[in-house]
Amino acid sequence: MRYGAESSRYTTIGCVEKSLQMMSWWAEDPNGAEFKYHLARVRDYLWLAEDGMKMQSFSSQLWDCALMTQAIMASNLTDEYGDTLKRAYFFIKES
């Protein structure tokens, strides 16, 4: 659990794992660092829409960006999407 959390900078791979990790770390120590790190990243999954609060399910901005980047690379249209790929690379690197 710790490796998965640390390697994703506490975003984990999805909202279900995020919830389970948070409950586990809270059960171990409600004031512990791991729980606090997870709590700080909850906002990455939540947003307000015109019809209420939403939670992103399995997927994240990083996941979506990586899949889109792979699709562009596989299409052999990298010259046409050069600026997009540069931005995607920056986002992936920073994430």
PDB file of N, CA and C in Angstrom:
ATOM      1  N   MET A   1       0.821  -1.187   0.000  1.00  0.00           N
ATOM      2  CA  MET A   1       0.000   0.000   0.000  1.00  0.00           C
ATOM      3  C   MET A   1       0.864   1.249   0.000  1.00  0.00           C
ATOM      4  N   ARG A   2       1.863   1.235   0.832  1.00  0.00           N
ATOM      5  CA  ARG A   2       2.713   2.422   0.939  1.00  0.00           C
ATOM      6  C   ARG A   2       3.414   2.713  -0.385  1.00  0.00           C
ATOM      7  N   TYR A   3       3.930   1.677  -1.043  1.00  0.00           N
ATOM      8  CA  TYR A   3       4.625   1.883  -2.315  1.00  0.00           C
ATOM      9  C   TYR A   3       3.688   2.476  -3.365  1.00  0.00           C
ATOM     10  N   GLY A   4       2.479   1.924  -3.472  1.00  0.00           N
ATOM     11  CA  GLY A   4       1.512   2.433  -4.437  1.00  0.00           C
ATOM     12  C   GLY A   4       1.140   3.879  -4.165  1.00  0.00           C
ATOM     13  N   ALA A   5       0.996   4.207  -2.909  1.00  0.00           N
ATOM     14  CA  ALA A   5       0.650   5.581  -2.538  1.00  0.00           C
ATOM     15  C   ALA A   5       1.806   6.536  -2.834  1.00  0.00           C
ATOM     16  N   GLU A   6       2.990   6.151  -2.421  1.00  0.00           N
ATOM     17  CA  GLU A   6       4.148   7.028  -2.621  1.00  0.00           C
ATOM     18  C   GLU A   6       4.472   7.208  -4.100  1.00  0.00           C
ATOM     19  N   SER A   7       4.384   6.140  -4.869  1.00  0.00           N
ATOM     20  CA  SER A   7       4.744   6.236  -6.284  1.00  0.00           C
ATOM     21  C   SER A   7       3.724   7.045  -7.085  1.00  0.00           C
ATOM     22  N   SER A   8       2.506   7.184  -6.584  1.00  0.00           N
ATOM     23  CA  SER A   8       1.493   7.996  -7.258  1.00  0.00           C
ATOM     24  C   SER A   8       1.334   9.361  -6.586  1.00  0.00           C
ATOM     25  N   ARG A   9       2.212   9.651  -5.662  1.00  0.00           N
ATOM     26  CA  ARG A   9       2.119  10.895  -4.874  1.00  0.00           C
ATOM     27  C   ARG A   9       0.766  11.014  -4.194  1.00  0.00           C
ATOM     28  N   TYR A  10       0.293   9.883  -3.720  1.00  0.00           N
ATOM     29  CA  TYR A  10      -0.932   9.759  -2.929  1.00  0.00           C
ATOM     30  C   TYR A  10      -2.213  10.023  -3.712  1.00  0.00           C
ATOM     31  N   THR A  11      -2.157   9.942  -5.048  1.00  0.00           N
ATOM     32  CA  THR A  11      -3.410   9.984  -5.801  1.00  0.00           C
ATOM     33  C   THR A  11      -3.966   8.580  -5.970  1.00  0.00           C
ATOM     34  N   THR A  12      -3.122   7.568  -5.907  1.00  0.00           N
ATOM     35  CA  THR A  12      -3.452   6.151  -6.116  1.00  0.00           C
ATOM     36  C   THR A  12      -3.992   5.948  -7.528  1.00  0.00           C
ATOM     37  N   ILE A  13      -4.508   4.764  -7.815  1.00  0.00           N
ATOM     38  CA  ILE A  13      -4.948   4.480  -9.192  1.00  0.00           C
ATOM     39  C   ILE A  13      -6.423   4.767  -9.408  1.00  0.00           C
ATOM     40  N   GLY A  14      -7.159   5.046  -8.361  1.00  0.00           N
ATOM     41  CA  GLY A  14      -8.571   5.320  -8.538  1.00  0.00           C
ATOM     42  C   GLY A  14      -9.247   5.623  -7.213  1.00  0.00           C
ATOM     43  N   CYS A  15     -10.488   6.060  -7.312  1.00  0.00           N
ATOM     44  CA  CYS A  15     -11.194   6.501  -6.117  1.00  0.00           C
ATOM     45  C   CYS A  15     -11.488   5.357  -5.141  1.00  0.00           C
ATOM     46  N   VAL A  16     -11.665   4.157  -5.640  1.00  0.00           N
ATOM     47  CA  VAL A  16     -11.925   3.029  -4.735  1.00  0.00           C
ATOM     48  C   VAL A  16     -10.677   2.733  -3.914  1.00  0.00           C
ATOM     49  N   GLU A  17      -9.531   2.625  -4.578  1.00  0.00           N
ATOM     50  CA  GLU A  17      -8.289   2.396  -3.826  1.00  0.00           C
ATOM     51  C   GLU A  17      -8.011   3.559  -2.896  1.00  0.00           C
ATOM     52  N   LYS A  18      -8.265   4.778  -3.354  1.00  0.00           N
ATOM     53  CA  LYS A  18      -8.053   5.966  -2.517  1.00  0.00           C
ATOM     54  C   LYS A  18      -8.845   5.835  -1.228  1.00  0.00           C
ATOM     55  N   SER A  19     -10.105   5.470  -1.336  1.00  0.00           N
ATOM     56  CA  SER A  19     -10.962   5.323  -0.152  1.00  0.00           C
ATOM     57  C   SER A  19     -10.457   4.224   0.775  1.00  0.00           C
ATOM     58  N   LEU A  20     -10.094   3.088   0.209  1.00  0.00           N
ATOM     59  CA  LEU A  20      -9.593   1.981   1.033  1.00  0.00           C
ATOM     60  C   LEU A  20      -8.282   2.340   1.718  1.00  0.00           C
ATOM     61  N   GLN A  21      -7.399   3.004   0.992  1.00  0.00           N
ATOM     62  CA  GLN A  21      -6.130   3.411   1.600  1.00  0.00           C
ATOM     63  C   GLN A  21      -6.377   4.402   2.738  1.00  0.00           C
ATOM     64  N   MET A  22      -7.253   5.354   2.506  1.00  0.00           N
ATOM     65  CA  MET A  22      -7.532   6.339   3.550  1.00  0.00           C
ATOM     66  C   MET A  22      -8.100   5.688   4.806  1.00  0.00           C
ATOM     67  N   MET A  23      -9.039   4.744   4.623  1.00  0.00           N
ATOM     68  CA  MET A  23      -9.603   4.058   5.790  1.00  0.00           C
ATOM     69  C   MET A  23      -8.543   3.248   6.523  1.00  0.00           C
ATOM     70  N   SER A  24      -7.675   2.587   5.749  1.00  0.00           N
ATOM     71  CA  SER A  24      -6.627   1.764   6.366  1.00  0.00           C
ATOM     72  C   SER A  24      -5.652   2.603   7.162  1.00  0.00           C
ATOM     73  N   TRP A  25      -5.192   3.711   6.554  1.00  0.00           N
ATOM     74  CA  TRP A  25      -4.226   4.558   7.256  1.00  0.00           C
ATOM     75  C   TRP A  25      -4.870   5.263   8.443  1.00  0.00           C
ATOM     76  N   TRP A  26      -6.148   5.642   8.323  1.00  0.00           N
ATOM     77  CA  TRP A  26      -6.840   6.265   9.438  1.00  0.00           C
ATOM     78  C   TRP A  26      -6.980   5.271  10.592  1.00  0.00           C
ATOM     79  N   ALA A  27      -7.289   4.007  10.271  1.00  0.00           N
ATOM     80  CA  ALA A  27      -7.420   2.982  11.317  1.00  0.00           C
ATOM     81  C   ALA A  27      -6.092   2.770  12.035  1.00  0.00           C
ATOM     82  N   GLU A  28      -4.997   2.892  11.282  1.00  0.00           N
ATOM     83  CA  GLU A  28      -3.690   2.736  11.918  1.00  0.00           C
ATOM     84  C   GLU A  28      -3.357   3.935  12.800  1.00  0.00           C
ATOM     85  N   ASP A  29      -3.601   5.145  12.287  1.00  0.00           N
ATOM     86  CA  ASP A  29      -3.298   6.355  13.050  1.00  0.00           C
ATOM     87  C   ASP A  29      -4.015   7.541  12.405  1.00  0.00           C
ATOM     88  N   PRO A  30      -5.120   7.986  13.003  1.00  0.00           N
ATOM     89  CA  PRO A  30      -5.873   9.094  12.414  1.00  0.00           C
ATOM     90  C   PRO A  30      -5.061  10.385  12.265  1.00  0.00           C
ATOM     91  N   ASN A  31      -4.003  10.508  13.017  1.00  0.00           N
ATOM     92  CA  ASN A  31      -3.147  11.692  12.937  1.00  0.00           C
ATOM     93  C   ASN A  31      -1.842  11.413  12.209  1.00  0.00           C
ATOM     94  N   GLY A  32      -1.748  10.242  11.583  1.00  0.00           N
ATOM     95  CA  GLY A  32      -0.522   9.838  10.913  1.00  0.00           C
ATOM     96  C   GLY A  32      -0.286  10.567   9.602  1.00  0.00           C
ATOM     97  N   ALA A  33       0.958  10.570   9.190  1.00  0.00           N
ATOM     98  CA  ALA A  33       1.357  11.266   7.966  1.00  0.00           C
ATOM     99  C   ALA A  33       0.692  10.668   6.730  1.00  0.00           C
ATOM    100  N   GLU A  34       0.623   9.330   6.659  1.00  0.00           N
ATOM    101  CA  GLU A  34       0.046   8.705   5.465  1.00  0.00           C
ATOM    102  C   GLU A  34      -1.400   9.133   5.250  1.00  0.00           C
ATOM    103  N   PHE A  35      -2.194   9.140   6.326  1.00  0.00           N
ATOM    104  CA  PHE A  35      -3.587   9.569   6.202  1.00  0.00           C
ATOM    105  C   PHE A  35      -3.657  11.022   5.742  1.00  0.00           C
ATOM    106  N   LYS A  36      -2.830  11.869   6.311  1.00  0.00           N
ATOM    107  CA  LYS A  36      -2.836  13.290   5.948  1.00  0.00           C
ATOM    108  C   LYS A  36      -2.418  13.497   4.495  1.00  0.00           C
ATOM    109  N   TYR A  37      -1.460  12.719   4.011  1.00  0.00           N
ATOM    110  CA  TYR A  37      -1.040  12.828   2.614  1.00  0.00           C
ATOM    111  C   TYR A  37      -2.188  12.456   1.675  1.00  0.00           C
ATOM    112  N   HIS A  38      -2.891  11.380   2.032  1.00  0.00           N
ATOM    113  CA  HIS A  38      -4.045  10.958   1.214  1.00  0.00           C
ATOM    114  C   HIS A  38      -5.145  12.008   1.265  1.00  0.00           C
ATOM    115  N   LEU A  39      -5.428  12.510   2.431  1.00  0.00           N
ATOM    116  CA  LEU A  39      -6.489  13.501   2.595  1.00  0.00           C
ATOM    117  C   LEU A  39      -6.221  14.737   1.731  1.00  0.00           C
ATOM    118  N   ALA A  40      -4.976  15.131   1.641  1.00  0.00           N
ATOM    119  CA  ALA A  40      -4.624  16.315   0.847  1.00  0.00           C
ATOM    120  C   ALA A  40      -4.892  16.111  -0.643  1.00  0.00           C
ATOM    121  N   ARG A  41      -4.935  14.879  -1.118  1.00  0.00           N
ATOM    122  CA  ARG A  41      -5.126  14.614  -2.550  1.00  0.00           C
ATOM    123  C   ARG A  41      -6.563  14.263  -2.924  1.00  0.00           C
ATOM    124  N   VAL A  42      -7.481  14.252  -1.984  1.00  0.00           N
ATOM    125  CA  VAL A  42      -8.881  13.925  -2.274  1.00  0.00           C
ATOM    126  C   VAL A  42      -9.456  14.906  -3.295  1.00  0.00           C
ATOM    127  N   ARG A  43      -9.083  16.170  -3.205  1.00  0.00           N
ATOM    128  CA  ARG A  43      -9.639  17.163  -4.129  1.00  0.00           C
ATOM    129  C   ARG A  43      -9.307  16.864  -5.593  1.00  0.00           C
ATOM    130  N   ASP A  44      -8.298  16.050  -5.841  1.00  0.00           N
ATOM    131  CA  ASP A  44      -7.975  15.653  -7.212  1.00  0.00           C
ATOM    132  C   ASP A  44      -9.079  14.804  -7.835  1.00  0.00           C
ATOM    133  N   TYR A  45      -9.933  14.217  -7.008  1.00  0.00           N
ATOM    134  CA  TYR A  45     -11.010  13.357  -7.483  1.00  0.00           C
ATOM    135  C   TYR A  45     -12.365  14.046  -7.511  1.00  0.00           C
ATOM    136  N   LEU A  46     -12.507  15.166  -6.847  1.00  0.00           N
ATOM    137  CA  LEU A  46     -13.818  15.791  -6.683  1.00  0.00           C
ATOM    138  C   LEU A  46     -13.929  17.104  -7.451  1.00  0.00           C
ATOM    139  N   TRP A  47     -15.118  17.381  -7.944  1.00  0.00           N
ATOM    140  CA  TRP A  47     -15.390  18.691  -8.524  1.00  0.00           C
ATOM    141  C   TRP A  47     -16.881  18.955  -8.471  1.00  0.00           C
ATOM    142  N   LEU A  48     -17.249  20.218  -8.579  1.00  0.00           N
ATOM    143  CA  LEU A  48     -18.651  20.609  -8.600  1.00  0.00           C
ATOM    144  C   LEU A  48     -19.101  20.839 -10.028  1.00  0.00           C
ATOM    145  N   ALA A  49     -20.227  20.260 -10.365  1.00  0.00           N
ATOM    146  CA  ALA A  49     -20.852  20.468 -11.667  1.00  0.00           C
ATOM    147  C   ALA A  49     -22.190  21.164 -11.429  1.00  0.00           C
ATOM    148  N   GLU A  50     -22.861  21.523 -12.502  1.00  0.00           N
ATOM    149  CA  GLU A  50     -24.131  22.229 -12.362  1.00  0.00           C
ATOM    150  C   GLU A  50     -25.177  21.405 -11.622  1.00  0.00           C
ATOM    151  N   ASP A  51     -25.017  20.082 -11.604  1.00  0.00           N
ATOM    152  CA  ASP A  51     -25.988  19.232 -10.913  1.00  0.00           C
ATOM    153  C   ASP A  51     -25.427  18.597  -9.651  1.00  0.00           C
ATOM    154  N   GLY A  52     -24.348  19.146  -9.111  1.00  0.00           N
ATOM    155  CA  GLY A  52     -23.842  18.677  -7.824  1.00  0.00           C
ATOM    156  C   GLY A  52     -22.411  18.191  -7.853  1.00  0.00           C
ATOM    157  N   MET A  53     -21.990  17.621  -6.740  1.00  0.00           N
ATOM    158  CA  MET A  53     -20.627  17.123  -6.571  1.00  0.00           C
ATOM    159  C   MET A  53     -20.405  15.887  -7.426  1.00  0.00           C
ATOM    160  N   LYS A  54     -19.238  15.799  -8.039  1.00  0.00           N
ATOM    161  CA  LYS A  54     -18.854  14.650  -8.868  1.00  0.00           C
ATOM    162  C   LYS A  54     -17.551  14.067  -8.335  1.00  0.00           C
ATOM    163  N   MET A  55     -17.375  12.780  -8.579  1.00  0.00           N
ATOM    164  CA  MET A  55     -16.127  12.111  -8.213  1.00  0.00           C
ATOM    165  C   MET A  55     -15.646  11.330  -9.413  1.00  0.00           C
ATOM    166  N   GLN A  56     -14.418  11.570  -9.772  1.00  0.00           N
ATOM    167  CA  GLN A  56     -13.834  10.850 -10.903  1.00  0.00           C
ATOM    168  C   GLN A  56     -13.582   9.412 -10.485  1.00  0.00           C
ATOM    169  N   SER A  57     -14.021   8.496 -11.295  1.00  0.00           N
ATOM    170  CA  SER A  57     -13.849   7.081 -11.003  1.00  0.00           C
ATOM    171  C   SER A  57     -12.480   6.628 -11.476  1.00  0.00           C
ATOM    172  N   PHE A  58     -12.351   5.343 -11.786  1.00  0.00           N
ATOM    173  CA  PHE A  58     -11.057   4.841 -12.228  1.00  0.00           C
ATOM    174  C   PHE A  58     -10.618   5.590 -13.451  1.00  0.00           C
ATOM    175  N   SER A  59      -9.633   6.325 -13.255  1.00  0.00           N
ATOM    176  CA  SER A  59      -9.001   7.165 -14.254  1.00  0.00           C
ATOM    177  C   SER A  59      -8.636   8.440 -13.541  1.00  0.00           C
ATOM    178  N   SER A  60      -7.769   9.128 -14.119  1.00  0.00           N
ATOM    179  CA  SER A  60      -7.350  10.418 -13.600  1.00  0.00           C
ATOM    180  C   SER A  60      -6.832  11.212 -14.774  1.00  0.00           C
ATOM    181  N   GLN A  61      -6.534  12.455 -14.523  1.00  0.00           N
ATOM    182  CA  GLN A  61      -5.996  13.278 -15.587  1.00  0.00           C
ATOM    183  C   GLN A  61      -4.707  12.667 -16.128  1.00  0.00           C
ATOM    184  N   LEU A  62      -3.879  12.142 -15.241  1.00  0.00           N
ATOM    185  CA  LEU A  62      -2.622  11.538 -15.681  1.00  0.00           C
ATOM    186  C   LEU A  62      -2.878  10.293 -16.529  1.00  0.00           C
ATOM    187  N   TRP A  63      -3.777   9.442 -16.075  1.00  0.00           N
ATOM    188  CA  TRP A  63      -4.118   8.219 -16.799  1.00  0.00           C
ATOM    189  C   TRP A  63      -4.644   8.567 -18.193  1.00  0.00           C
ATOM    190  N   ASP A  64      -5.593   9.510 -18.243  1.00  0.00           N
ATOM    191  CA  ASP A  64      -6.169   9.920 -19.522  1.00  0.00           C
ATOM    192  C   ASP A  64      -5.109  10.504 -20.450  1.00  0.00           C
ATOM    193  N   CYS A  65      -4.250  11.326 -19.909  1.00  0.00           N
ATOM    194  CA  CYS A  65      -3.198  11.948 -20.718  1.00  0.00           C
ATOM    195  C   CYS A  65      -2.233  10.894 -21.258  1.00  0.00           C
ATOM    196  N   ALA A  66      -1.868   9.936 -20.425  1.00  0.00           N
ATOM    197  CA  ALA A  66      -0.938   8.889 -20.867  1.00  0.00           C
ATOM    198  C   ALA A  66      -1.554   8.034 -21.972  1.00  0.00           C
ATOM    199  N   LEU A  67      -2.822   7.674 -21.838  1.00  0.00           N
ATOM    200  CA  LEU A  67      -3.483   6.873 -22.867  1.00  0.00           C
ATOM    201  C   LEU A  67      -3.627   7.648 -24.168  1.00  0.00           C
ATOM    202  N   MET A  68      -3.976   8.930 -24.071  1.00  0.00           N
ATOM    203  CA  MET A  68      -4.099   9.760 -25.260  1.00  0.00           C
ATOM    204  C   MET A  68      -2.746   9.898 -25.959  1.00  0.00           C
ATOM    205  N   THR A  69      -1.700  10.070 -25.181  1.00  0.00           N
ATOM    206  CA  THR A  69      -0.355  10.191 -25.743  1.00  0.00           C
ATOM    207  C   THR A  69       0.043   8.904 -26.468  1.00  0.00           C
ATOM    208  N   GLN A  70      -0.241   7.770 -25.866  1.00  0.00           N
ATOM    209  CA  GLN A  70       0.069   6.491 -26.510  1.00  0.00           C
ATOM    210  C   GLN A  70      -0.704   6.339 -27.815  1.00  0.00           C
ATOM    211  N   ALA A  71      -1.965   6.767 -27.827  1.00  0.00           N
ATOM    212  CA  ALA A  71      -2.773   6.654 -29.042  1.00  0.00           C
ATOM    213  C   ALA A  71      -2.199   7.527 -30.164  1.00  0.00           C
ATOM    214  N   ILE A  72      -1.786   8.736 -29.829  1.00  0.00           N
ATOM    215  CA  ILE A  72      -1.194   9.609 -30.845  1.00  0.00           C
ATOM    216  C   ILE A  72       0.097   9.008 -31.372  1.00  0.00           C
ATOM    217  N   MET A  73       0.919   8.496 -30.481  1.00  0.00           N
ATOM    218  CA  MET A  73       2.192   7.900 -30.905  1.00  0.00           C
ATOM    219  C   MET A  73       1.947   6.699 -31.816  1.00  0.00           C
ATOM    220  N   ALA A  74       0.935   5.908 -31.516  1.00  0.00           N
ATOM    221  CA  ALA A  74       0.634   4.726 -32.325  1.00  0.00           C
ATOM    222  C   ALA A  74       0.024   5.090 -33.680  1.00  0.00           C
ATOM    223  N   SER A  75      -0.523   6.287 -33.792  1.00  0.00           N
ATOM    224  CA  SER A  75      -1.186   6.685 -35.035  1.00  0.00           C
ATOM    225  C   SER A  75      -0.224   7.174 -36.114  1.00  0.00           C
ATOM    226  N   ASN A  76       1.026   7.334 -35.762  1.00  0.00           N
ATOM    227  CA  ASN A  76       2.035   7.874 -36.682  1.00  0.00           C
ATOM    228  C   ASN A  76       1.700   9.293 -37.146  1.00  0.00           C
ATOM    229  N   LEU A  77       0.996  10.028 -36.305  1.00  0.00           N
ATOM    230  CA  LEU A  77       0.665  11.420 -36.605  1.00  0.00           C
ATOM    231  C   LEU A  77       1.369  12.375 -35.643  1.00  0.00           C
ATOM    232  N   THR A  78       2.540  11.980 -35.186  1.00  0.00           N
ATOM    233  CA  THR A  78       3.234  12.774 -34.178  1.00  0.00           C
ATOM    234  C   THR A  78       3.586  14.174 -34.673  1.00  0.00           C
ATOM    235  N   ASP A  79       3.887  14.326 -35.957  1.00  0.00           N
ATOM    236  CA  ASP A  79       4.193  15.664 -36.479  1.00  0.00           C
ATOM    237  C   ASP A  79       2.977  16.579 -36.393  1.00  0.00           C
ATOM    238  N   GLU A  80       1.826  16.028 -36.684  1.00  0.00           N
ATOM    239  CA  GLU A  80       0.594  16.817 -36.656  1.00  0.00           C
ATOM    240  C   GLU A  80       0.203  17.233 -35.237  1.00  0.00           C
ATOM    241  N   TYR A  81       0.576  16.421 -34.241  1.00  0.00           N
ATOM    242  CA  TYR A  81       0.203  16.678 -32.855  1.00  0.00           C
ATOM    243  C   TYR A  81       1.410  17.062 -31.996  1.00  0.00           C
ATOM    244  N   GLY A  82       2.416  17.647 -32.616  1.00  0.00           N
ATOM    245  CA  GLY A  82       3.645  17.979 -31.902  1.00  0.00           C
ATOM    246  C   GLY A  82       3.437  18.833 -30.666  1.00  0.00           C
ATOM    247  N   ASP A  83       2.657  19.916 -30.788  1.00  0.00           N
ATOM    248  CA  ASP A  83       2.421  20.790 -29.631  1.00  0.00           C
ATOM    249  C   ASP A  83       1.656  20.066 -28.529  1.00  0.00           C
ATOM    250  N   THR A  84       0.683  19.280 -28.922  1.00  0.00           N
ATOM    251  CA  THR A  84      -0.081  18.509 -27.945  1.00  0.00           C
ATOM    252  C   THR A  84       0.820  17.529 -27.207  1.00  0.00           C
ATOM    253  N   LEU A  85       1.700  16.852 -27.932  1.00  0.00           N
ATOM    254  CA  LEU A  85       2.603  15.887 -27.304  1.00  0.00           C
ATOM    255  C   LEU A  85       3.585  16.578 -26.366  1.00  0.00           C
ATOM    256  N   LYS A  86       4.043  17.761 -26.715  1.00  0.00           N
ATOM    257  CA  LYS A  86       4.940  18.508 -25.821  1.00  0.00           C
ATOM    258  C   LYS A  86       4.227  18.844 -24.518  1.00  0.00           C
ATOM    259  N   ARG A  87       2.991  19.307 -24.634  1.00  0.00           N
ATOM    260  CA  ARG A  87       2.222  19.634 -23.427  1.00  0.00           C
ATOM    261  C   ARG A  87       1.930  18.375 -22.613  1.00  0.00           C
ATOM    262  N   ALA A  88       1.616  17.296 -23.302  1.00  0.00           N
ATOM    263  CA  ALA A  88       1.341  16.039 -22.609  1.00  0.00           C
ATOM    264  C   ALA A  88       2.589  15.548 -21.879  1.00  0.00           C
ATOM    265  N   TYR A  89       3.730  15.632 -22.526  1.00  0.00           N
ATOM    266  CA  TYR A  89       4.975  15.209 -21.889  1.00  0.00           C
ATOM    267  C   TYR A  89       5.229  16.031 -20.620  1.00  0.00           C
ATOM    268  N   PHE A  90       5.048  17.338 -20.710  1.00  0.00           N
ATOM    269  CA  PHE A  90       5.256  18.198 -19.550  1.00  0.00           C
ATOM    270  C   PHE A  90       4.309  17.797 -18.417  1.00  0.00           C
ATOM    271  N   PHE A  91       3.034  17.574 -18.754  1.00  0.00           N
ATOM    272  CA  PHE A  91       2.054  17.204 -17.733  1.00  0.00           C
ATOM    273  C   PHE A  91       2.407  15.866 -17.095  1.00  0.00           C
ATOM    274  N   ILE A  92       2.783  14.882 -17.916  1.00  0.00           N
ATOM    275  CA  ILE A  92       3.143  13.561 -17.394  1.00  0.00           C
ATOM    276  C   ILE A  92       4.372  13.671 -16.497  1.00  0.00           C
ATOM    277  N   LYS A  93       5.354  14.410 -16.946  1.00  0.00           N
ATOM    278  CA  LYS A  93       6.590  14.581 -16.156  1.00  0.00           C
ATOM    279  C   LYS A  93       6.298  15.256 -14.826  1.00  0.00           C
ATOM    280  N   GLU A  94       5.478  16.291 -14.826  1.00  0.00           N
ATOM    281  CA  GLU A  94       5.161  17.008 -13.602  1.00  0.00           C
ATOM    282  C   GLU A  94       4.264  16.206 -12.673  1.00  0.00           C
ATOM    283  N   SER A  95       3.441  15.328 -13.246  1.00  0.00           N
ATOM    284  CA  SER A  95       2.532  14.533 -12.420  1.00  0.00           C
ATOM    285  C   SER A  95       3.260  13.405 -11.734  1.00  0.00           C
TER     286      SER A  95
END
